[in-house]
N, C-alpha and C. Protein backbone atom coordinates (compact mmCIF):
# COMPACT_ATOMS: atom_id res chain seq x y z
N MET A 1 5.21 42.37 -52.82
CA MET A 1 4.22 40.96 -52.77
C MET A 1 3.04 41.74 -54.04
N ASN A 2 2.58 40.32 -54.63
CA ASN A 2 1.74 41.28 -55.61
C ASN A 2 0.47 40.72 -54.88
N THR A 3 -0.44 41.39 -55.53
CA THR A 3 -2.06 41.30 -55.05
C THR A 3 -2.86 39.74 -55.18
N ASN A 4 -2.21 38.99 -56.01
CA ASN A 4 -2.84 37.42 -56.03
C ASN A 4 -2.06 36.73 -55.03
N THR A 5 -0.83 36.67 -54.49
CA THR A 5 0.27 36.07 -53.52
C THR A 5 -0.47 37.08 -52.32
N PHE A 6 -0.76 37.91 -52.08
CA PHE A 6 -1.30 38.43 -50.73
C PHE A 6 -2.77 37.97 -50.42
N THR A 7 -3.63 37.99 -51.53
CA THR A 7 -4.61 37.43 -51.63
C THR A 7 -5.11 35.97 -50.95
N ALA A 8 -3.95 35.34 -52.03
CA ALA A 8 -3.82 33.50 -51.28
C ALA A 8 -4.26 33.97 -49.70
N LEU A 9 -2.38 34.52 -49.29
CA LEU A 9 -2.34 34.43 -48.01
C LEU A 9 -3.60 34.46 -46.88
N THR A 10 -4.13 35.56 -47.25
CA THR A 10 -4.73 36.37 -46.56
C THR A 10 -6.17 35.14 -46.41
N PHE A 11 -6.25 34.94 -47.70
CA PHE A 11 -7.71 33.16 -47.74
C PHE A 11 -7.23 32.61 -47.21
N GLY A 12 -5.87 32.40 -47.10
CA GLY A 12 -4.95 30.72 -46.27
C GLY A 12 -5.22 31.09 -44.52
N ALA A 13 -5.40 32.22 -44.23
CA ALA A 13 -4.98 32.46 -43.24
C ALA A 13 -6.82 32.65 -42.56
N LEU A 14 -7.24 33.13 -43.20
CA LEU A 14 -8.90 32.91 -42.78
C LEU A 14 -8.97 31.61 -42.84
N MET A 15 -8.84 31.06 -43.36
CA MET A 15 -9.47 29.41 -43.59
C MET A 15 -8.84 28.41 -42.36
N SER A 16 -7.62 28.99 -42.10
CA SER A 16 -7.28 28.00 -40.87
C SER A 16 -7.84 28.62 -39.77
N LEU A 17 -8.23 30.09 -39.41
CA LEU A 17 -8.64 30.50 -38.45
C LEU A 17 -10.06 29.69 -38.48
N THR A 18 -10.65 30.13 -39.65
CA THR A 18 -12.00 28.94 -39.40
C THR A 18 -11.67 27.83 -39.22
N LEU A 19 -11.21 26.83 -39.44
CA LEU A 19 -10.91 25.80 -38.98
C LEU A 19 -10.74 25.82 -37.36
N ASN A 20 -9.54 26.16 -36.96
CA ASN A 20 -9.20 26.27 -35.75
C ASN A 20 -10.26 26.77 -34.67
N ALA A 21 -10.78 27.68 -35.07
CA ALA A 21 -12.48 27.57 -34.63
C ALA A 21 -13.37 26.75 -34.21
N ALA A 22 -13.50 26.49 -35.31
CA ALA A 22 -14.44 25.34 -35.36
C ALA A 22 -14.17 24.10 -35.13
N HIS A 23 -13.10 23.91 -34.53
CA HIS A 23 -12.29 22.46 -34.17
C HIS A 23 -12.34 23.59 -32.24
N ALA A 24 -12.24 24.11 -32.00
CA ALA A 24 -12.23 24.51 -30.88
C ALA A 24 -13.18 24.73 -29.98
N ASP A 25 -14.80 24.95 -30.78
CA ASP A 25 -15.54 24.50 -30.32
C ASP A 25 -16.56 23.04 -30.11
N SER A 26 -15.41 22.01 -30.52
CA SER A 26 -16.04 20.74 -30.43
C SER A 26 -15.06 19.61 -29.13
N ILE A 27 -15.39 19.09 -28.73
CA ILE A 27 -14.81 18.32 -27.80
C ILE A 27 -13.93 17.08 -28.30
N GLN A 28 -12.95 16.98 -27.58
CA GLN A 28 -11.98 16.65 -27.92
C GLN A 28 -11.24 15.32 -27.44
N ARG A 29 -11.35 13.95 -27.91
CA ARG A 29 -11.34 13.04 -26.97
C ARG A 29 -10.44 11.84 -27.69
N VAL A 30 -8.75 11.88 -26.23
CA VAL A 30 -8.01 11.28 -27.20
C VAL A 30 -7.39 10.19 -26.10
N SER A 31 -7.38 9.09 -27.13
CA SER A 31 -7.17 7.38 -26.52
C SER A 31 -5.87 7.91 -26.31
N PRO A 32 -5.26 6.77 -24.76
CA PRO A 32 -4.05 6.50 -25.21
C PRO A 32 -3.21 5.64 -25.88
N PRO A 33 -2.13 6.32 -26.33
CA PRO A 33 -1.55 5.09 -27.91
C PRO A 33 -1.56 3.99 -27.93
N GLY A 34 -1.92 3.71 -28.77
CA GLY A 34 -1.77 2.46 -29.03
C GLY A 34 -2.90 1.03 -27.63
N SER A 35 -3.32 1.85 -27.48
CA SER A 35 -4.76 1.43 -26.13
C SER A 35 -6.28 0.91 -26.84
N THR A 36 -6.60 -0.47 -26.39
CA THR A 36 -7.98 -0.27 -26.75
C THR A 36 -8.47 -0.23 -25.52
N PHE A 37 -8.02 0.34 -24.70
CA PHE A 37 -8.88 0.53 -23.24
C PHE A 37 -9.94 0.97 -22.87
N PRO A 38 -11.12 0.90 -22.71
CA PRO A 38 -12.43 2.09 -22.65
C PRO A 38 -12.22 2.84 -21.96
N ILE A 39 -11.33 3.68 -22.29
CA ILE A 39 -11.14 5.49 -21.56
C ILE A 39 -10.63 6.03 -21.99
N SER A 40 -10.80 7.83 -22.36
CA SER A 40 -9.46 8.30 -22.77
C SER A 40 -8.55 9.04 -21.94
N GLN A 41 -7.91 9.33 -22.49
CA GLN A 41 -6.24 9.41 -21.62
C GLN A 41 -6.67 11.62 -21.56
N LEU A 42 -6.97 11.77 -22.17
CA LEU A 42 -7.43 13.28 -21.89
C LEU A 42 -8.72 13.74 -22.79
N VAL A 43 -9.57 14.29 -22.12
CA VAL A 43 -10.73 14.88 -23.05
C VAL A 43 -10.72 16.79 -23.01
N THR A 44 -10.82 17.25 -23.95
CA THR A 44 -10.71 19.15 -23.63
C THR A 44 -11.74 19.08 -24.22
N VAL A 45 -12.46 20.35 -23.31
CA VAL A 45 -13.65 20.85 -23.84
C VAL A 45 -13.21 22.35 -23.63
N PRO A 46 -13.95 22.74 -24.62
CA PRO A 46 -14.11 23.94 -25.29
C PRO A 46 -14.77 25.27 -24.08
N ALA A 47 -14.06 26.54 -24.33
CA ALA A 47 -15.21 26.61 -22.88
C ALA A 47 -16.62 27.56 -23.08
N SER A 48 -17.07 27.52 -25.05
CA SER A 48 -17.98 28.03 -25.09
C SER A 48 -19.39 26.49 -24.39
N ALA A 49 -18.66 25.45 -24.06
CA ALA A 49 -19.43 23.89 -23.60
C ALA A 49 -20.18 24.72 -22.45
N GLN A 50 -21.57 23.69 -22.31
CA GLN A 50 -22.22 23.81 -21.08
C GLN A 50 -21.70 22.53 -20.22
N LEU A 51 -21.33 22.77 -18.78
CA LEU A 51 -20.80 21.54 -17.85
C LEU A 51 -21.94 21.22 -16.99
N THR A 52 -22.07 20.33 -17.13
CA THR A 52 -23.25 19.77 -15.69
C THR A 52 -22.17 18.80 -14.89
N PHE A 53 -22.71 18.67 -13.13
CA PHE A 53 -21.81 18.30 -12.53
C PHE A 53 -22.99 17.55 -11.49
N VAL A 54 -22.30 16.19 -11.94
CA VAL A 54 -23.80 15.04 -11.12
C VAL A 54 -23.00 14.65 -10.03
N SER A 55 -23.57 14.76 -8.47
CA SER A 55 -23.00 14.20 -7.70
C SER A 55 -23.01 12.46 -7.83
N GLY A 56 -22.10 12.91 -5.97
CA GLY A 56 -21.87 10.51 -6.23
C GLY A 56 -22.84 10.45 -6.29
N THR A 57 -22.88 9.02 -7.20
CA THR A 57 -24.40 8.32 -7.27
C THR A 57 -24.49 6.99 -6.33
N LEU A 58 -25.06 6.54 -5.64
CA LEU A 58 -25.54 5.21 -4.78
C LEU A 58 -26.45 4.31 -5.88
N PRO A 59 -25.70 2.97 -5.62
CA PRO A 59 -26.92 2.43 -6.16
C PRO A 59 -28.36 1.79 -5.46
N ASP A 60 -29.27 1.46 -6.48
CA ASP A 60 -30.38 1.00 -5.92
C ASP A 60 -30.38 -0.53 -5.08
N VAL A 61 -31.56 -0.56 -4.51
CA VAL A 61 -32.11 -1.89 -3.44
C VAL A 61 -31.93 -2.86 -5.14
N ALA A 62 -31.15 -3.98 -5.20
CA ALA A 62 -31.51 -5.01 -6.35
C ALA A 62 -32.03 -6.29 -5.93
N ASP A 63 -32.18 -6.27 -4.32
CA ASP A 63 -32.83 -7.63 -3.50
C ASP A 63 -33.51 -7.01 -2.70
N PRO A 64 -34.80 -6.33 -2.94
CA PRO A 64 -35.42 -6.20 -1.61
C PRO A 64 -36.07 -7.50 -0.66
N LYS A 65 -35.70 -8.20 -0.95
CA LYS A 65 -35.68 -9.38 0.60
C LYS A 65 -34.11 -9.84 1.07
N ALA A 66 -33.49 -9.43 0.79
CA ALA A 66 -32.26 -9.14 1.56
C ALA A 66 -32.10 -8.57 2.52
N PRO A 67 -31.16 -8.86 3.31
CA PRO A 67 -31.22 -8.05 4.99
C PRO A 67 -30.84 -6.62 4.35
N LYS A 68 -31.57 -5.72 4.81
CA LYS A 68 -31.40 -4.17 4.46
C LYS A 68 -29.99 -3.85 5.31
N GLY A 69 -29.67 -3.01 4.44
CA GLY A 69 -28.25 -2.07 4.55
C GLY A 69 -27.06 -3.16 4.03
N SER A 70 -27.49 -4.60 3.48
CA SER A 70 -25.93 -5.73 3.11
C SER A 70 -25.88 -5.80 1.90
N ILE A 71 -24.68 -5.81 1.19
CA ILE A 71 -24.55 -6.16 -0.23
C ILE A 71 -25.32 -6.35 -0.81
N GLN A 72 -25.27 -8.21 -0.07
CA GLN A 72 -26.80 -9.07 -1.20
C GLN A 72 -27.53 -7.91 -1.09
N ALA A 73 -28.22 -6.99 -0.82
CA ALA A 73 -29.58 -6.19 -0.70
C ALA A 73 -29.16 -5.40 -2.19
N TYR A 74 -28.01 -5.10 -2.11
CA TYR A 74 -27.60 -4.23 -3.86
C TYR A 74 -26.66 -4.88 -4.63
N GLY A 75 -26.56 -5.86 -4.08
CA GLY A 75 -25.76 -7.59 -4.92
C GLY A 75 -24.05 -6.65 -4.89
N ASN A 76 -23.38 -7.14 -6.38
CA ASN A 76 -21.79 -7.23 -6.52
C ASN A 76 -21.61 -6.20 -6.78
N THR A 77 -20.40 -5.99 -7.40
CA THR A 77 -19.87 -4.65 -7.72
C THR A 77 -20.17 -4.55 -9.65
N GLU A 78 -20.79 -5.68 -10.06
CA GLU A 78 -21.33 -5.45 -11.28
C GLU A 78 -22.58 -5.31 -11.73
N THR A 79 -23.28 -5.36 -10.53
CA THR A 79 -25.27 -5.14 -10.60
C THR A 79 -25.38 -3.57 -9.66
N GLN A 80 -24.25 -3.49 -8.65
CA GLN A 80 -23.76 -1.86 -8.52
C GLN A 80 -23.98 -1.26 -9.29
N THR A 81 -22.57 -1.47 -9.85
CA THR A 81 -21.65 -0.26 -11.19
C THR A 81 -23.41 -0.20 -12.17
N LEU A 82 -24.01 -1.73 -12.55
CA LEU A 82 -25.06 -1.02 -13.68
C LEU A 82 -26.17 -0.50 -13.21
N SER A 83 -26.21 -0.77 -11.60
CA SER A 83 -27.82 0.20 -11.46
C SER A 83 -27.35 1.81 -11.31
N VAL A 84 -26.44 1.98 -11.15
CA VAL A 84 -25.28 3.44 -10.89
C VAL A 84 -25.53 3.84 -11.76
N LEU A 85 -24.59 3.43 -13.37
CA LEU A 85 -25.00 4.30 -14.54
C LEU A 85 -26.46 4.55 -15.33
N ASN A 86 -26.76 3.44 -14.88
CA ASN A 86 -28.62 3.74 -15.25
C ASN A 86 -28.95 5.16 -14.28
N LYS A 87 -28.60 5.39 -13.32
CA LYS A 87 -29.10 6.10 -12.61
C LYS A 87 -28.62 7.80 -13.27
N LEU A 88 -26.85 7.53 -13.03
CA LEU A 88 -26.85 8.48 -14.04
C LEU A 88 -27.37 8.91 -15.00
N ARG A 89 -27.79 8.10 -16.11
CA ARG A 89 -28.60 8.22 -17.39
C ARG A 89 -29.65 8.71 -17.07
N THR A 90 -30.31 8.73 -16.66
CA THR A 90 -31.89 9.36 -16.02
C THR A 90 -31.18 10.72 -15.57
N ALA A 91 -30.50 10.80 -14.85
CA ALA A 91 -29.41 12.06 -14.16
C ALA A 91 -30.22 13.00 -15.46
N LEU A 92 -28.89 12.60 -16.29
CA LEU A 92 -28.73 13.69 -17.31
C LEU A 92 -29.44 13.60 -18.20
N GLN A 93 -30.62 12.36 -18.69
CA GLN A 93 -31.36 12.95 -19.75
C GLN A 93 -33.05 13.82 -19.23
N SER A 94 -32.20 13.98 -17.87
CA SER A 94 -33.53 15.29 -17.16
C SER A 94 -32.76 16.61 -17.50
N GLN A 95 -31.77 17.07 -18.24
CA GLN A 95 -31.34 17.79 -18.60
C GLN A 95 -30.68 17.93 -20.09
N GLY A 96 -30.96 17.03 -21.05
CA GLY A 96 -30.88 16.80 -22.40
C GLY A 96 -29.60 16.05 -22.87
N LEU A 97 -28.97 15.69 -21.83
CA LEU A 97 -27.66 15.04 -21.68
C LEU A 97 -28.10 13.39 -21.50
N ASP A 98 -27.11 12.88 -22.25
CA ASP A 98 -26.76 11.39 -21.95
C ASP A 98 -25.56 10.88 -21.86
N LEU A 99 -24.97 9.93 -21.63
CA LEU A 99 -24.10 8.65 -20.92
C LEU A 99 -22.93 9.39 -22.32
N GLY A 100 -23.45 9.81 -22.80
CA GLY A 100 -21.80 10.40 -24.27
C GLY A 100 -21.53 11.67 -24.02
N ASP A 101 -22.07 12.08 -23.27
CA ASP A 101 -21.84 13.58 -22.54
C ASP A 101 -20.96 14.12 -21.95
N ILE A 102 -20.72 12.30 -21.19
CA ILE A 102 -20.20 12.55 -19.60
C ILE A 102 -18.47 12.64 -20.15
N VAL A 103 -17.52 13.39 -20.00
CA VAL A 103 -16.09 13.40 -20.10
C VAL A 103 -15.21 13.14 -19.08
N GLN A 104 -15.85 13.34 -17.78
CA GLN A 104 -15.61 12.86 -16.08
C GLN A 104 -16.00 11.61 -15.44
N LEU A 105 -15.40 10.60 -15.33
CA LEU A 105 -15.71 9.98 -14.22
C LEU A 105 -15.19 9.92 -12.75
N ARG A 106 -15.73 9.65 -11.93
CA ARG A 106 -14.80 9.34 -10.82
C ARG A 106 -15.37 8.43 -10.13
N VAL A 107 -14.74 7.06 -9.83
CA VAL A 107 -15.29 5.58 -9.27
C VAL A 107 -15.14 5.57 -7.75
N PHE A 108 -15.82 5.35 -7.04
CA PHE A 108 -15.59 4.95 -5.65
C PHE A 108 -15.64 3.41 -5.46
N LEU A 109 -15.17 2.73 -4.86
CA LEU A 109 -15.73 1.05 -4.72
C LEU A 109 -14.92 0.86 -3.55
N VAL A 110 -15.86 0.24 -2.63
CA VAL A 110 -15.39 -0.46 -0.99
C VAL A 110 -14.90 -1.80 -2.13
N GLY A 111 -13.72 -2.28 -1.51
CA GLY A 111 -12.84 -3.84 -1.40
C GLY A 111 -14.32 -4.24 -1.22
N ASP A 112 -14.39 -5.50 -2.35
CA ASP A 112 -15.63 -6.75 -1.66
C ASP A 112 -15.09 -7.71 -0.87
N PRO A 113 -15.93 -8.33 0.21
CA PRO A 113 -15.47 -9.10 1.34
C PRO A 113 -15.24 -10.47 0.32
N ASP A 114 -16.22 -10.79 -1.02
CA ASP A 114 -15.89 -11.99 -1.31
C ASP A 114 -14.82 -11.93 -1.83
N LYS A 115 -14.20 -10.60 -2.08
CA LYS A 115 -12.85 -10.53 -2.90
C LYS A 115 -11.64 -10.90 -2.16
N GLY A 116 -11.62 -10.77 -1.10
CA GLY A 116 -10.62 -10.83 0.11
C GLY A 116 -10.27 -9.64 0.25
N GLY A 117 -11.08 -8.51 -0.01
CA GLY A 117 -11.37 -6.45 0.74
C GLY A 117 -10.67 -6.19 -0.52
N THR A 118 -10.53 -6.50 -1.33
CA THR A 118 -9.69 -5.83 -2.84
C THR A 118 -10.48 -5.43 -3.75
N LEU A 119 -11.01 -4.21 -4.22
CA LEU A 119 -11.81 -4.07 -5.29
C LEU A 119 -11.96 -4.63 -6.84
N ASP A 120 -13.25 -5.05 -6.89
CA ASP A 120 -14.13 -5.82 -8.16
C ASP A 120 -13.81 -5.25 -8.99
N PHE A 121 -12.46 -4.54 -9.53
CA PHE A 121 -12.01 -3.97 -10.90
C PHE A 121 -12.46 -4.92 -12.46
N ALA A 122 -13.10 -6.50 -12.50
CA ALA A 122 -13.82 -6.85 -13.25
C ALA A 122 -15.10 -6.48 -13.35
N GLY A 123 -14.91 -7.01 -12.14
CA GLY A 123 -16.88 -6.00 -11.87
C GLY A 123 -17.89 -5.16 -12.32
N LEU A 124 -16.68 -3.45 -12.35
CA LEU A 124 -16.76 -2.80 -12.57
C LEU A 124 -16.85 -2.73 -14.15
N GLN A 125 -15.62 -3.17 -14.65
CA GLN A 125 -15.50 -3.23 -16.08
C GLN A 125 -16.44 -3.97 -17.07
N ALA A 126 -16.61 -5.31 -16.44
CA ALA A 126 -18.16 -5.59 -17.05
C ALA A 126 -19.10 -4.86 -17.29
N ALA A 127 -19.95 -3.83 -16.20
CA ALA A 127 -21.00 -3.16 -16.55
C ALA A 127 -20.26 -2.02 -16.87
N TYR A 128 -19.44 -1.69 -16.88
CA TYR A 128 -19.06 0.07 -17.74
C TYR A 128 -18.85 0.02 -18.86
N THR A 129 -18.13 -1.42 -19.78
CA THR A 129 -18.24 -1.40 -21.21
C THR A 129 -19.39 -1.48 -21.87
N LYS A 130 -20.23 -1.92 -21.33
CA LYS A 130 -21.83 -1.76 -21.49
C LYS A 130 -22.09 -0.65 -21.61
N PHE A 131 -21.66 0.45 -21.38
CA PHE A 131 -21.99 1.74 -21.51
C PHE A 131 -20.89 2.46 -22.44
N PHE A 132 -19.86 2.22 -22.63
CA PHE A 132 -19.06 3.10 -22.87
C PHE A 132 -18.19 2.58 -23.75
N ALA A 133 -17.99 3.23 -25.13
CA ALA A 133 -16.89 1.98 -26.14
C ALA A 133 -17.71 1.47 -26.46
N THR A 134 -18.97 1.95 -27.05
CA THR A 134 -19.85 0.43 -27.69
C THR A 134 -20.25 0.81 -28.92
N ALA A 135 -20.69 0.02 -29.64
CA ALA A 135 -21.02 0.70 -31.10
C ALA A 135 -22.14 2.02 -31.06
N GLU A 136 -23.15 0.98 -30.04
CA GLU A 136 -24.38 2.55 -29.94
C GLU A 136 -23.85 3.34 -29.41
N GLN A 137 -22.70 3.64 -28.35
CA GLN A 137 -22.27 4.68 -27.92
C GLN A 137 -20.96 5.02 -28.16
N PRO A 138 -20.49 5.21 -28.65
CA PRO A 138 -18.32 5.52 -28.93
C PRO A 138 -17.67 5.74 -27.88
N ASN A 139 -18.47 7.41 -27.13
CA ASN A 139 -17.33 7.74 -26.73
C ASN A 139 -16.99 7.61 -25.16
N LYS A 140 -15.60 7.68 -24.76
CA LYS A 140 -14.90 7.25 -23.65
C LYS A 140 -14.71 8.82 -22.97
N PRO A 141 -15.31 7.82 -21.54
CA PRO A 141 -14.69 9.51 -20.89
C PRO A 141 -13.13 9.66 -20.47
N THR A 142 -13.20 10.25 -19.48
CA THR A 142 -11.24 9.78 -18.79
C THR A 142 -12.11 9.17 -17.40
N ARG A 143 -11.63 8.73 -16.52
CA ARG A 143 -11.69 7.46 -15.61
C ARG A 143 -11.10 7.56 -14.40
N THR A 144 -11.19 7.85 -13.46
CA THR A 144 -10.33 7.50 -12.37
C THR A 144 -11.16 6.26 -11.39
N ALA A 145 -10.69 5.48 -11.20
CA ALA A 145 -10.94 4.28 -9.84
C ALA A 145 -10.50 4.57 -8.93
N LEU A 146 -11.30 3.87 -8.00
CA LEU A 146 -10.40 4.30 -6.84
C LEU A 146 -10.85 3.40 -5.16
N GLN A 147 -10.11 2.58 -4.62
CA GLN A 147 -10.65 1.69 -3.69
C GLN A 147 -10.62 2.84 -1.84
N VAL A 148 -11.87 2.95 -1.78
CA VAL A 148 -11.82 3.62 -0.32
C VAL A 148 -12.80 2.45 0.43
N VAL A 149 -12.82 3.11 1.79
CA VAL A 149 -12.85 2.50 3.41
C VAL A 149 -14.25 1.78 3.18
N ALA A 150 -14.72 3.00 3.13
CA ALA A 150 -16.66 2.34 3.24
C ALA A 150 -17.17 4.00 2.33
N LEU A 151 -18.55 3.58 2.27
CA LEU A 151 -19.55 4.78 1.07
C LEU A 151 -20.65 4.83 2.75
N PRO A 152 -21.10 6.06 2.10
CA PRO A 152 -22.22 6.57 2.94
C PRO A 152 -23.22 5.18 3.44
N LEU A 153 -23.55 4.85 2.22
CA LEU A 153 -24.85 3.62 2.09
C LEU A 153 -24.24 2.50 2.70
N PRO A 154 -24.56 1.74 3.66
CA PRO A 154 -23.88 0.65 3.81
C PRO A 154 -24.73 -0.41 2.84
N GLY A 155 -23.77 -1.04 2.34
CA GLY A 155 -24.12 -2.21 1.58
C GLY A 155 -23.52 -2.09 0.42
N ALA A 156 -23.34 -0.10 -0.14
CA ALA A 156 -22.59 0.13 -1.15
C ALA A 156 -21.44 -0.93 -1.43
N LEU A 157 -20.80 -0.99 -2.54
CA LEU A 157 -19.89 -0.88 -3.04
C LEU A 157 -19.53 0.09 -4.18
N VAL A 158 -20.23 0.54 -4.63
CA VAL A 158 -19.76 1.51 -5.58
C VAL A 158 -20.99 2.97 -5.73
N GLU A 159 -19.44 3.97 -5.79
CA GLU A 159 -20.45 5.20 -6.11
C GLU A 159 -19.27 6.17 -6.89
N ILE A 160 -20.27 6.78 -7.83
CA ILE A 160 -19.85 6.91 -9.61
C ILE A 160 -20.31 8.41 -9.09
N GLU A 161 -19.08 9.80 -9.46
CA GLU A 161 -19.64 10.87 -9.47
C GLU A 161 -19.24 11.70 -11.07
N ALA A 162 -19.78 11.97 -11.88
CA ALA A 162 -19.41 12.46 -13.19
C ALA A 162 -19.88 14.08 -13.81
N VAL A 163 -19.13 14.11 -15.05
CA VAL A 163 -18.68 15.81 -15.57
C VAL A 163 -19.35 15.23 -16.64
N ALA A 164 -19.84 16.56 -17.60
CA ALA A 164 -20.70 15.98 -18.66
C ALA A 164 -20.26 17.19 -19.03
N ALA A 165 -20.22 17.24 -21.03
CA ALA A 165 -20.50 18.59 -21.42
C ALA A 165 -20.77 18.21 -22.69
N LYS A 166 -21.26 19.40 -23.19
CA LYS A 166 -21.98 19.74 -24.56
C LYS A 166 -21.69 20.70 -25.10
N ALA A 167 -20.94 21.06 -26.15
CA ALA A 167 -20.79 21.84 -26.88
C ALA A 167 -22.02 22.40 -27.67
N PRO A 168 -21.51 23.72 -28.50
CA PRO A 168 -22.64 24.38 -28.94
C PRO A 168 -22.81 23.79 -30.29
């Protein structure tokens, strides 16, 4: 092997390692193939990233005149989801993060009595799509939505926990 060939191969190998290292330090989000759904199929977080875990967050009272502990006091699924996502944003901002840094959401939904006891997925989506996969905030976390029997806050239909990541 001549010196020029060796130099070219060495340079190529170093460039490849540099590109892979730079790529390895970024958060990778992959959407389901052919899907426009506002969640990522998977998110890869580099080992160098700072992870922040946010406990399950419940909604604030939307109508203080409604009976305490009632669904009317907290609102429907969409109203409650808006409240919870705003609270998550505030918590994350206190740590120098924002909703775009969320890599995973776990959503717990109580069946809405007005919907025959089934979870109101449309209400969840109506609020969620105001915060994720938008022109202002295009990042999409992975997300799981589960129907549960009850939440610790009477009248709550929504609780959301989050994991946020910030790459160096």
